[in-house]
Amino acid sequence: MRKIDLLLNEYGESHQTKLNRIIHYFCVPAIVLSIIGLLAAIPTPAFIINLFPDSLTAYAHFGTIFLLIASVYYLRLSFVLFLVMLVYSIIVLWLINLISQINIMPLWAFMTIIFVVSWIIQFYGHNHEGKKPSFIKDVQFLLIGPAWTTSHLFEALNIKF
């Protein structure tokens, strides 16, 4: 069995109830958005900004760097998963840029609210199921969560990953 299949199966063991799965389908993407948004809110050194073309300087931040590193991890697991997570990453970066342009409140504050609320709901789902979150056992499951939610979309569309 491939490593990605083993990881998804192990992650799925603590996500068996319908309520917990539904919560994860919404909260995992929200948590990813908030983490990348929080990283984007960290002041970026000029040498990093200078690595990006002028048209992409809005994306020159630690959130983008994290997503690039995570993309390598996904590529090692599955090429199709990598492509889907790449598209998702682009959408996340676009949303963060849009949110920062709207300027309702500081980006870090907006993302902190999303992060806290999403984790509270996630822990409610795990409490309902009676199982601890997978990342408590192994931190790599923080990256498997988005892959797990994506894998259900693959199954629904009959796409092999």
N, C-alpha and C. Protein backbone atom coordinates (compact mmCIF):
# COMPACT_ATOMS: atom_id res chain seq x y z
N MET A 1 0.84 -1.18 0.00
CA MET A 1 0.00 0.00 0.00
C MET A 1 0.89 1.25 0.00
N ARG A 2 0.50 2.24 -0.80
CA ARG A 2 1.27 3.49 -0.88
C ARG A 2 1.22 4.26 0.43
N LYS A 3 2.25 5.07 0.67
CA LYS A 3 2.32 5.84 1.90
C LYS A 3 1.11 6.77 2.04
N ILE A 4 0.68 7.40 0.96
CA ILE A 4 -0.46 8.32 1.02
C ILE A 4 -1.72 7.57 1.46
N ASP A 5 -1.90 6.35 0.97
CA ASP A 5 -3.07 5.56 1.35
C ASP A 5 -3.03 5.22 2.84
N LEU A 6 -1.86 4.84 3.33
CA LEU A 6 -1.70 4.53 4.75
C LEU A 6 -2.01 5.75 5.63
N LEU A 7 -1.47 6.90 5.23
CA LEU A 7 -1.70 8.13 6.00
C LEU A 7 -3.16 8.54 5.99
N LEU A 8 -3.80 8.46 4.84
CA LEU A 8 -5.22 8.83 4.75
C LEU A 8 -6.10 7.88 5.56
N ASN A 9 -5.77 6.59 5.50
CA ASN A 9 -6.54 5.61 6.29
C ASN A 9 -6.37 5.87 7.79
N GLU A 10 -5.13 6.13 8.20
CA GLU A 10 -4.88 6.38 9.62
C GLU A 10 -5.56 7.67 10.08
N TYR A 11 -5.51 8.70 9.24
CA TYR A 11 -6.20 9.96 9.57
C TYR A 11 -7.70 9.72 9.68
N GLY A 12 -8.23 8.94 8.76
CA GLY A 12 -9.66 8.67 8.73
C GLY A 12 -10.18 7.90 9.93
N GLU A 13 -9.29 7.18 10.63
CA GLU A 13 -9.71 6.41 11.79
C GLU A 13 -10.30 7.29 12.89
N SER A 14 -9.86 8.54 12.99
CA SER A 14 -10.39 9.43 14.03
C SER A 14 -11.41 10.41 13.46
N HIS A 15 -11.97 10.05 12.30
CA HIS A 15 -12.96 10.90 11.63
C HIS A 15 -14.05 10.01 11.04
N GLN A 16 -14.72 9.27 11.89
CA GLN A 16 -15.69 8.29 11.43
C GLN A 16 -17.13 8.78 11.45
N THR A 17 -17.48 9.66 12.39
CA THR A 17 -18.88 10.08 12.45
C THR A 17 -19.17 11.12 11.37
N LYS A 18 -20.39 11.12 10.92
CA LYS A 18 -20.79 12.06 9.87
C LYS A 18 -20.58 13.50 10.31
N LEU A 19 -20.94 13.82 11.56
CA LEU A 19 -20.77 15.19 12.06
C LEU A 19 -19.30 15.61 12.04
N ASN A 20 -18.42 14.76 12.52
CA ASN A 20 -17.00 15.10 12.55
C ASN A 20 -16.43 15.26 11.14
N ARG A 21 -16.86 14.44 10.22
CA ARG A 21 -16.39 14.58 8.83
C ARG A 21 -16.87 15.90 8.22
N ILE A 22 -18.14 16.22 8.43
CA ILE A 22 -18.67 17.49 7.89
C ILE A 22 -17.94 18.68 8.49
N ILE A 23 -17.72 18.64 9.79
CA ILE A 23 -16.97 19.72 10.45
C ILE A 23 -15.59 19.86 9.80
N HIS A 24 -14.94 18.75 9.56
CA HIS A 24 -13.59 18.81 8.96
C HIS A 24 -13.61 19.33 7.53
N TYR A 25 -14.64 19.03 6.79
CA TYR A 25 -14.72 19.52 5.41
C TYR A 25 -14.74 21.05 5.36
N PHE A 26 -15.28 21.67 6.39
CA PHE A 26 -15.31 23.14 6.43
C PHE A 26 -14.14 23.72 7.23
N CYS A 27 -13.84 23.12 8.35
CA CYS A 27 -12.86 23.72 9.26
C CYS A 27 -11.41 23.50 8.82
N VAL A 28 -11.10 22.36 8.20
CA VAL A 28 -9.71 22.16 7.75
C VAL A 28 -9.33 23.23 6.72
N PRO A 29 -10.12 23.48 5.68
CA PRO A 29 -9.76 24.57 4.77
C PRO A 29 -9.67 25.93 5.47
N ALA A 30 -10.56 26.17 6.43
CA ALA A 30 -10.52 27.45 7.15
C ALA A 30 -9.25 27.57 7.98
N ILE A 31 -8.83 26.48 8.59
CA ILE A 31 -7.59 26.49 9.38
C ILE A 31 -6.39 26.71 8.48
N VAL A 32 -6.37 26.05 7.34
CA VAL A 32 -5.26 26.26 6.39
C VAL A 32 -5.22 27.73 5.98
N LEU A 33 -6.36 28.28 5.60
CA LEU A 33 -6.43 29.69 5.23
C LEU A 33 -5.90 30.57 6.36
N SER A 34 -6.32 30.30 7.59
CA SER A 34 -5.91 31.15 8.71
C SER A 34 -4.42 31.03 9.00
N ILE A 35 -3.88 29.83 8.92
CA ILE A 35 -2.43 29.66 9.18
C ILE A 35 -1.61 30.38 8.12
N ILE A 36 -1.99 30.21 6.86
CA ILE A 36 -1.26 30.88 5.79
C ILE A 36 -1.44 32.40 5.92
N GLY A 37 -2.64 32.82 6.29
CA GLY A 37 -2.89 34.25 6.50
C GLY A 37 -2.08 34.81 7.65
N LEU A 38 -1.95 34.06 8.73
CA LEU A 38 -1.12 34.51 9.85
C LEU A 38 0.34 34.61 9.44
N LEU A 39 0.80 33.64 8.67
CA LEU A 39 2.18 33.71 8.17
C LEU A 39 2.36 34.90 7.23
N ALA A 40 1.32 35.18 6.44
CA ALA A 40 1.39 36.32 5.51
C ALA A 40 1.44 37.65 6.25
N ALA A 41 0.90 37.67 7.46
CA ALA A 41 0.85 38.91 8.24
C ALA A 41 2.18 39.25 8.90
N ILE A 42 3.10 38.30 8.92
CA ILE A 42 4.43 38.57 9.49
C ILE A 42 5.18 39.48 8.52
N PRO A 43 5.76 40.55 9.01
CA PRO A 43 6.53 41.43 8.11
C PRO A 43 7.59 40.64 7.34
N THR A 44 7.63 40.87 6.05
CA THR A 44 8.52 40.12 5.17
C THR A 44 9.80 40.92 4.91
N PRO A 45 10.95 40.30 5.12
CA PRO A 45 12.21 40.99 4.83
C PRO A 45 12.32 41.33 3.34
N ALA A 46 13.00 42.42 3.05
CA ALA A 46 13.15 42.89 1.67
C ALA A 46 13.80 41.84 0.78
N PHE A 47 14.74 41.07 1.30
CA PHE A 47 15.43 40.10 0.44
C PHE A 47 14.46 39.02 -0.07
N ILE A 48 13.41 38.71 0.70
CA ILE A 48 12.41 37.75 0.23
C ILE A 48 11.52 38.41 -0.81
N ILE A 49 11.08 39.63 -0.54
CA ILE A 49 10.24 40.36 -1.49
C ILE A 49 10.96 40.51 -2.83
N ASN A 50 12.25 40.76 -2.80
CA ASN A 50 13.04 40.94 -4.02
C ASN A 50 13.18 39.67 -4.84
N LEU A 51 12.88 38.52 -4.26
CA LEU A 51 12.94 37.25 -5.00
C LEU A 51 11.75 37.09 -5.94
N PHE A 52 10.71 37.86 -5.71
CA PHE A 52 9.47 37.75 -6.49
C PHE A 52 9.42 38.81 -7.57
N PRO A 53 8.82 38.49 -8.73
CA PRO A 53 8.61 39.52 -9.74
C PRO A 53 7.67 40.61 -9.20
N ASP A 54 7.78 41.79 -9.73
CA ASP A 54 6.96 42.92 -9.26
C ASP A 54 5.47 42.60 -9.25
N SER A 55 5.00 41.85 -10.23
CA SER A 55 3.57 41.53 -10.32
C SER A 55 3.10 40.57 -9.21
N LEU A 56 4.04 39.93 -8.52
CA LEU A 56 3.68 38.97 -7.48
C LEU A 56 4.13 39.38 -6.08
N THR A 57 4.54 40.62 -5.90
CA THR A 57 5.04 41.02 -4.58
C THR A 57 3.97 40.95 -3.49
N ALA A 58 2.70 41.02 -3.85
CA ALA A 58 1.65 40.86 -2.84
C ALA A 58 1.67 39.46 -2.23
N TYR A 59 2.29 38.52 -2.93
CA TYR A 59 2.36 37.14 -2.46
C TYR A 59 3.73 36.80 -1.89
N ALA A 60 4.58 37.78 -1.74
CA ALA A 60 5.93 37.58 -1.22
C ALA A 60 5.88 37.63 0.30
N HIS A 61 5.54 36.49 0.91
CA HIS A 61 5.45 36.43 2.36
C HIS A 61 5.70 35.00 2.83
N PHE A 62 5.73 34.84 4.14
CA PHE A 62 6.04 33.54 4.73
C PHE A 62 4.96 32.50 4.46
N GLY A 63 3.73 32.93 4.22
CA GLY A 63 2.66 32.00 3.86
C GLY A 63 2.95 31.29 2.55
N THR A 64 3.41 32.06 1.58
CA THR A 64 3.76 31.48 0.27
C THR A 64 4.92 30.51 0.43
N ILE A 65 5.91 30.89 1.20
CA ILE A 65 7.08 30.02 1.42
C ILE A 65 6.63 28.71 2.06
N PHE A 66 5.75 28.79 3.06
CA PHE A 66 5.24 27.58 3.69
C PHE A 66 4.52 26.69 2.68
N LEU A 67 3.69 27.29 1.84
CA LEU A 67 2.95 26.51 0.84
C LEU A 67 3.89 25.85 -0.17
N LEU A 68 4.96 26.53 -0.52
CA LEU A 68 5.94 25.94 -1.44
C LEU A 68 6.59 24.71 -0.81
N ILE A 69 6.94 24.82 0.45
CA ILE A 69 7.55 23.67 1.16
C ILE A 69 6.53 22.54 1.30
N ALA A 70 5.28 22.87 1.65
CA ALA A 70 4.24 21.86 1.76
C ALA A 70 3.99 21.18 0.42
N SER A 71 4.12 21.93 -0.67
CA SER A 71 3.92 21.36 -2.01
C SER A 71 4.92 20.25 -2.30
N VAL A 72 6.13 20.41 -1.83
CA VAL A 72 7.15 19.37 -2.01
C VAL A 72 6.72 18.10 -1.27
N TYR A 73 6.19 18.27 -0.06
CA TYR A 73 5.70 17.13 0.72
C TYR A 73 4.57 16.42 -0.05
N TYR A 74 3.62 17.18 -0.57
CA TYR A 74 2.51 16.57 -1.32
C TYR A 74 3.00 15.89 -2.60
N LEU A 75 3.97 16.50 -3.25
CA LEU A 75 4.52 15.90 -4.47
C LEU A 75 5.15 14.54 -4.18
N ARG A 76 5.80 14.42 -3.03
CA ARG A 76 6.41 13.14 -2.66
C ARG A 76 5.36 12.07 -2.39
N LEU A 77 4.15 12.49 -2.02
CA LEU A 77 3.08 11.53 -1.73
C LEU A 77 2.29 11.13 -2.97
N SER A 78 1.97 12.11 -3.81
CA SER A 78 1.13 11.85 -4.98
C SER A 78 1.16 13.05 -5.92
N PHE A 79 1.42 12.81 -7.18
CA PHE A 79 1.47 13.90 -8.16
C PHE A 79 0.10 14.56 -8.33
N VAL A 80 -0.95 13.77 -8.40
CA VAL A 80 -2.30 14.32 -8.57
C VAL A 80 -2.68 15.14 -7.33
N LEU A 81 -2.37 14.61 -6.15
CA LEU A 81 -2.63 15.35 -4.92
C LEU A 81 -1.86 16.66 -4.92
N PHE A 82 -0.62 16.62 -5.35
CA PHE A 82 0.20 17.83 -5.46
C PHE A 82 -0.48 18.87 -6.35
N LEU A 83 -0.98 18.46 -7.51
CA LEU A 83 -1.63 19.40 -8.43
C LEU A 83 -2.87 20.03 -7.81
N VAL A 84 -3.68 19.22 -7.15
CA VAL A 84 -4.89 19.74 -6.53
C VAL A 84 -4.54 20.68 -5.37
N MET A 85 -3.55 20.31 -4.57
CA MET A 85 -3.15 21.16 -3.46
C MET A 85 -2.48 22.44 -3.97
N LEU A 86 -1.85 22.37 -5.12
CA LEU A 86 -1.28 23.57 -5.72
C LEU A 86 -2.39 24.55 -6.11
N VAL A 87 -3.44 24.03 -6.73
CA VAL A 87 -4.58 24.88 -7.09
C VAL A 87 -5.22 25.45 -5.82
N TYR A 88 -5.39 24.61 -4.80
CA TYR A 88 -5.95 25.07 -3.54
C TYR A 88 -5.06 26.16 -2.93
N SER A 89 -3.75 25.98 -2.99
CA SER A 89 -2.81 26.97 -2.45
C SER A 89 -2.94 28.31 -3.16
N ILE A 90 -3.11 28.26 -4.46
CA ILE A 90 -3.28 29.49 -5.23
C ILE A 90 -4.57 30.21 -4.81
N ILE A 91 -5.62 29.44 -4.61
CA ILE A 91 -6.89 30.03 -4.16
C ILE A 91 -6.73 30.65 -2.77
N VAL A 92 -6.05 29.95 -1.88
CA VAL A 92 -5.81 30.46 -0.52
C VAL A 92 -5.03 31.77 -0.58
N LEU A 93 -3.97 31.80 -1.38
CA LEU A 93 -3.16 33.01 -1.49
C LEU A 93 -3.98 34.16 -2.07
N TRP A 94 -4.80 33.87 -3.06
CA TRP A 94 -5.66 34.90 -3.66
C TRP A 94 -6.65 35.45 -2.62
N LEU A 95 -7.27 34.53 -1.84
CA LEU A 95 -8.23 34.96 -0.82
C LEU A 95 -7.55 35.83 0.25
N ILE A 96 -6.37 35.44 0.67
CA ILE A 96 -5.64 36.22 1.67
C ILE A 96 -5.33 37.61 1.12
N ASN A 97 -4.92 37.68 -0.11
CA ASN A 97 -4.64 38.97 -0.74
C ASN A 97 -5.92 39.81 -0.81
N LEU A 98 -7.02 39.19 -1.18
CA LEU A 98 -8.31 39.89 -1.25
C LEU A 98 -8.73 40.40 0.13
N ILE A 99 -8.63 39.55 1.14
CA ILE A 99 -8.99 39.94 2.51
C ILE A 99 -8.13 41.10 2.99
N SER A 100 -6.85 41.05 2.69
CA SER A 100 -5.97 42.14 3.13
C SER A 100 -6.29 43.44 2.39
N GLN A 101 -6.73 43.35 1.14
CA GLN A 101 -7.10 44.55 0.39
C GLN A 101 -8.40 45.16 0.88
N ILE A 102 -9.35 44.33 1.30
CA ILE A 102 -10.62 44.82 1.83
C ILE A 102 -10.38 45.61 3.11
N ASN A 103 -9.43 45.15 3.90
CA ASN A 103 -8.96 45.88 5.07
C ASN A 103 -10.06 46.15 6.10
N ILE A 104 -10.85 45.13 6.41
CA ILE A 104 -11.88 45.24 7.45
C ILE A 104 -11.21 45.43 8.81
N MET A 105 -10.16 44.68 9.03
CA MET A 105 -9.37 44.74 10.26
C MET A 105 -7.98 44.22 9.90
N PRO A 106 -7.02 44.35 10.78
CA PRO A 106 -5.70 43.82 10.44
C PRO A 106 -5.78 42.34 10.06
N LEU A 107 -4.99 41.94 9.08
CA LEU A 107 -5.03 40.56 8.59
C LEU A 107 -4.81 39.57 9.72
N TRP A 108 -3.84 39.85 10.59
CA TRP A 108 -3.54 38.91 11.68
C TRP A 108 -4.75 38.73 12.59
N ALA A 109 -5.52 39.79 12.84
CA ALA A 109 -6.69 39.70 13.71
C ALA A 109 -7.79 38.86 13.05
N PHE A 110 -8.05 39.11 11.78
CA PHE A 110 -9.07 38.37 11.03
C PHE A 110 -8.73 36.89 10.99
N MET A 111 -7.46 36.58 10.71
CA MET A 111 -7.03 35.19 10.62
C MET A 111 -7.03 34.51 11.99
N THR A 112 -6.73 35.25 13.02
CA THR A 112 -6.76 34.68 14.37
C THR A 112 -8.18 34.27 14.75
N ILE A 113 -9.15 35.09 14.39
CA ILE A 113 -10.56 34.76 14.66
C ILE A 113 -10.94 33.47 13.92
N ILE A 114 -10.60 33.39 12.64
CA ILE A 114 -10.91 32.18 11.86
C ILE A 114 -10.23 30.96 12.48
N PHE A 115 -8.97 31.11 12.86
CA PHE A 115 -8.19 30.02 13.44
C PHE A 115 -8.83 29.51 14.72
N VAL A 116 -9.13 30.42 15.64
CA VAL A 116 -9.67 30.03 16.95
C VAL A 116 -11.05 29.40 16.81
N VAL A 117 -11.92 30.03 16.04
CA VAL A 117 -13.28 29.50 15.87
C VAL A 117 -13.24 28.12 15.19
N SER A 118 -12.41 27.98 14.17
CA SER A 118 -12.32 26.69 13.45
C SER A 118 -11.81 25.58 14.35
N TRP A 119 -10.80 25.89 15.17
CA TRP A 119 -10.27 24.85 16.08
C TRP A 119 -11.27 24.49 17.15
N ILE A 120 -12.01 25.45 17.66
CA ILE A 120 -13.04 25.14 18.66
C ILE A 120 -14.07 24.18 18.06
N ILE A 121 -14.50 24.47 16.85
CA ILE A 121 -15.47 23.59 16.18
C ILE A 121 -14.86 22.22 15.91
N GLN A 122 -13.60 22.19 15.48
CA GLN A 122 -12.93 20.90 15.23
C GLN A 122 -12.86 20.07 16.51
N PHE A 123 -12.47 20.70 17.61
CA PHE A 123 -12.39 19.95 18.87
C PHE A 123 -13.77 19.49 19.32
N TYR A 124 -14.80 20.26 19.03
CA TYR A 124 -16.16 19.80 19.31
C TYR A 124 -16.44 18.52 18.52
N GLY A 125 -16.07 18.50 17.25
CA GLY A 125 -16.27 17.32 16.42
C GLY A 125 -15.53 16.11 16.96
N HIS A 126 -14.30 16.31 17.40
CA HIS A 126 -13.54 15.19 17.96
C HIS A 126 -14.12 14.75 19.30
N ASN A 127 -14.60 15.69 20.09
CA ASN A 127 -15.24 15.34 21.36
C ASN A 127 -16.51 14.52 21.08
N HIS A 128 -17.27 14.94 20.08
CA HIS A 128 -18.48 14.21 19.68
C HIS A 128 -18.12 12.79 19.27
N GLU A 129 -17.04 12.65 18.54
CA GLU A 129 -16.62 11.33 18.08
C GLU A 129 -15.96 10.52 19.19
N GLY A 130 -15.38 11.21 20.15
CA GLY A 130 -14.71 10.51 21.25
C GLY A 130 -13.29 10.10 20.91
N LYS A 131 -12.69 10.77 19.93
CA LYS A 131 -11.31 10.44 19.53
C LYS A 131 -10.49 11.71 19.47
N LYS A 132 -9.21 11.58 19.80
CA LYS A 132 -8.30 12.72 19.76
C LYS A 132 -7.95 13.05 18.31
N PRO A 133 -7.64 14.32 18.04
CA PRO A 133 -7.17 14.68 16.70
C PRO A 133 -5.89 13.91 16.34
N SER A 134 -5.76 13.55 15.09
CA SER A 134 -4.63 12.74 14.61
C SER A 134 -3.28 13.40 14.82
N PHE A 135 -3.23 14.73 14.72
CA PHE A 135 -1.94 15.41 14.82
C PHE A 135 -1.32 15.29 16.20
N ILE A 136 -2.11 14.92 17.21
CA ILE A 136 -1.55 14.72 18.54
C ILE A 136 -0.60 13.52 18.52
N LYS A 137 -0.89 12.53 17.70
CA LYS A 137 -0.05 11.35 17.55
C LYS A 137 1.16 11.64 16.67
N ASP A 138 0.93 12.40 15.58
CA ASP A 138 2.00 12.67 14.61
C ASP A 138 1.70 14.00 13.93
N VAL A 139 2.64 14.93 14.05
CA VAL A 139 2.44 16.29 13.56
C VAL A 139 2.24 16.35 12.03
N GLN A 140 2.73 15.34 11.30
CA GLN A 140 2.54 15.38 9.84
C GLN A 140 1.06 15.30 9.46
N PHE A 141 0.21 14.89 10.39
CA PHE A 141 -1.22 14.84 10.10
C PHE A 141 -1.82 16.23 9.95
N LEU A 142 -1.10 17.27 10.36
CA LEU A 142 -1.56 18.63 10.08
C LEU A 142 -1.55 18.91 8.57
N LEU A 143 -0.64 18.25 7.85
CA LEU A 143 -0.62 18.37 6.39
C LEU A 143 -1.51 17.32 5.72
N ILE A 144 -1.79 16.24 6.42
CA ILE A 144 -2.64 15.18 5.85
C ILE A 144 -4.11 15.59 5.91
N GLY A 145 -4.50 16.42 6.87
CA GLY A 145 -5.89 16.87 6.97
C GLY A 145 -6.42 17.45 5.67
N PRO A 146 -5.71 18.42 5.07
CA PRO A 146 -6.19 18.94 3.78
C PRO A 146 -6.21 17.87 2.68
N ALA A 147 -5.23 16.98 2.71
CA ALA A 147 -5.21 15.90 1.72
C ALA A 147 -6.40 14.95 1.92
N TRP A 148 -6.74 14.69 3.18
CA TRP A 148 -7.85 13.81 3.49
C TRP A 148 -9.17 14.41 3.00
N THR A 149 -9.38 15.70 3.24
CA THR A 149 -10.61 16.33 2.76
C THR A 149 -10.66 16.31 1.24
N THR A 150 -9.51 16.53 0.61
CA THR A 150 -9.42 16.51 -0.85
C THR A 150 -9.66 15.10 -1.39
N SER A 151 -9.18 14.09 -0.67
CA SER A 151 -9.32 12.72 -1.15
C SER A 151 -10.78 12.32 -1.30
N HIS A 152 -11.65 12.88 -0.48
CA HIS A 152 -13.08 12.57 -0.61
C HIS A 152 -13.67 13.17 -1.88
N LEU A 153 -13.16 14.32 -2.26
CA LEU A 153 -13.57 14.91 -3.53
C LEU A 153 -13.10 14.02 -4.68
N PHE A 154 -11.86 13.52 -4.58
CA PHE A 154 -11.33 12.60 -5.60
C PHE A 154 -12.23 11.37 -5.73
N GLU A 155 -12.59 10.80 -4.59
CA GLU A 155 -13.44 9.60 -4.61
C GLU A 155 -14.78 9.89 -5.25
N ALA A 156 -15.37 11.03 -4.93
CA ALA A 156 -16.68 11.39 -5.48
C ALA A 156 -16.61 11.57 -7.00
N LEU A 157 -15.47 12.08 -7.47
CA LEU A 157 -15.29 12.30 -8.91
C LEU A 157 -14.62 11.11 -9.61
N ASN A 158 -14.37 10.04 -8.83
CA ASN A 158 -13.72 8.83 -9.34
C ASN A 158 -12.34 9.14 -9.95
N ILE A 159 -11.56 9.95 -9.25
CA ILE A 159 -10.20 10.30 -9.70
C ILE A 159 -9.21 9.54 -8.85
N LYS A 160 -8.26 8.88 -9.49
CA LYS A 160 -7.20 8.15 -8.77
C LYS A 160 -6.09 9.12 -8.42
N PHE A 161 -5.64 9.07 -7.19
CA PHE A 161 -4.55 9.94 -6.77
C PHE A 161 -3.40 9.10 -6.28
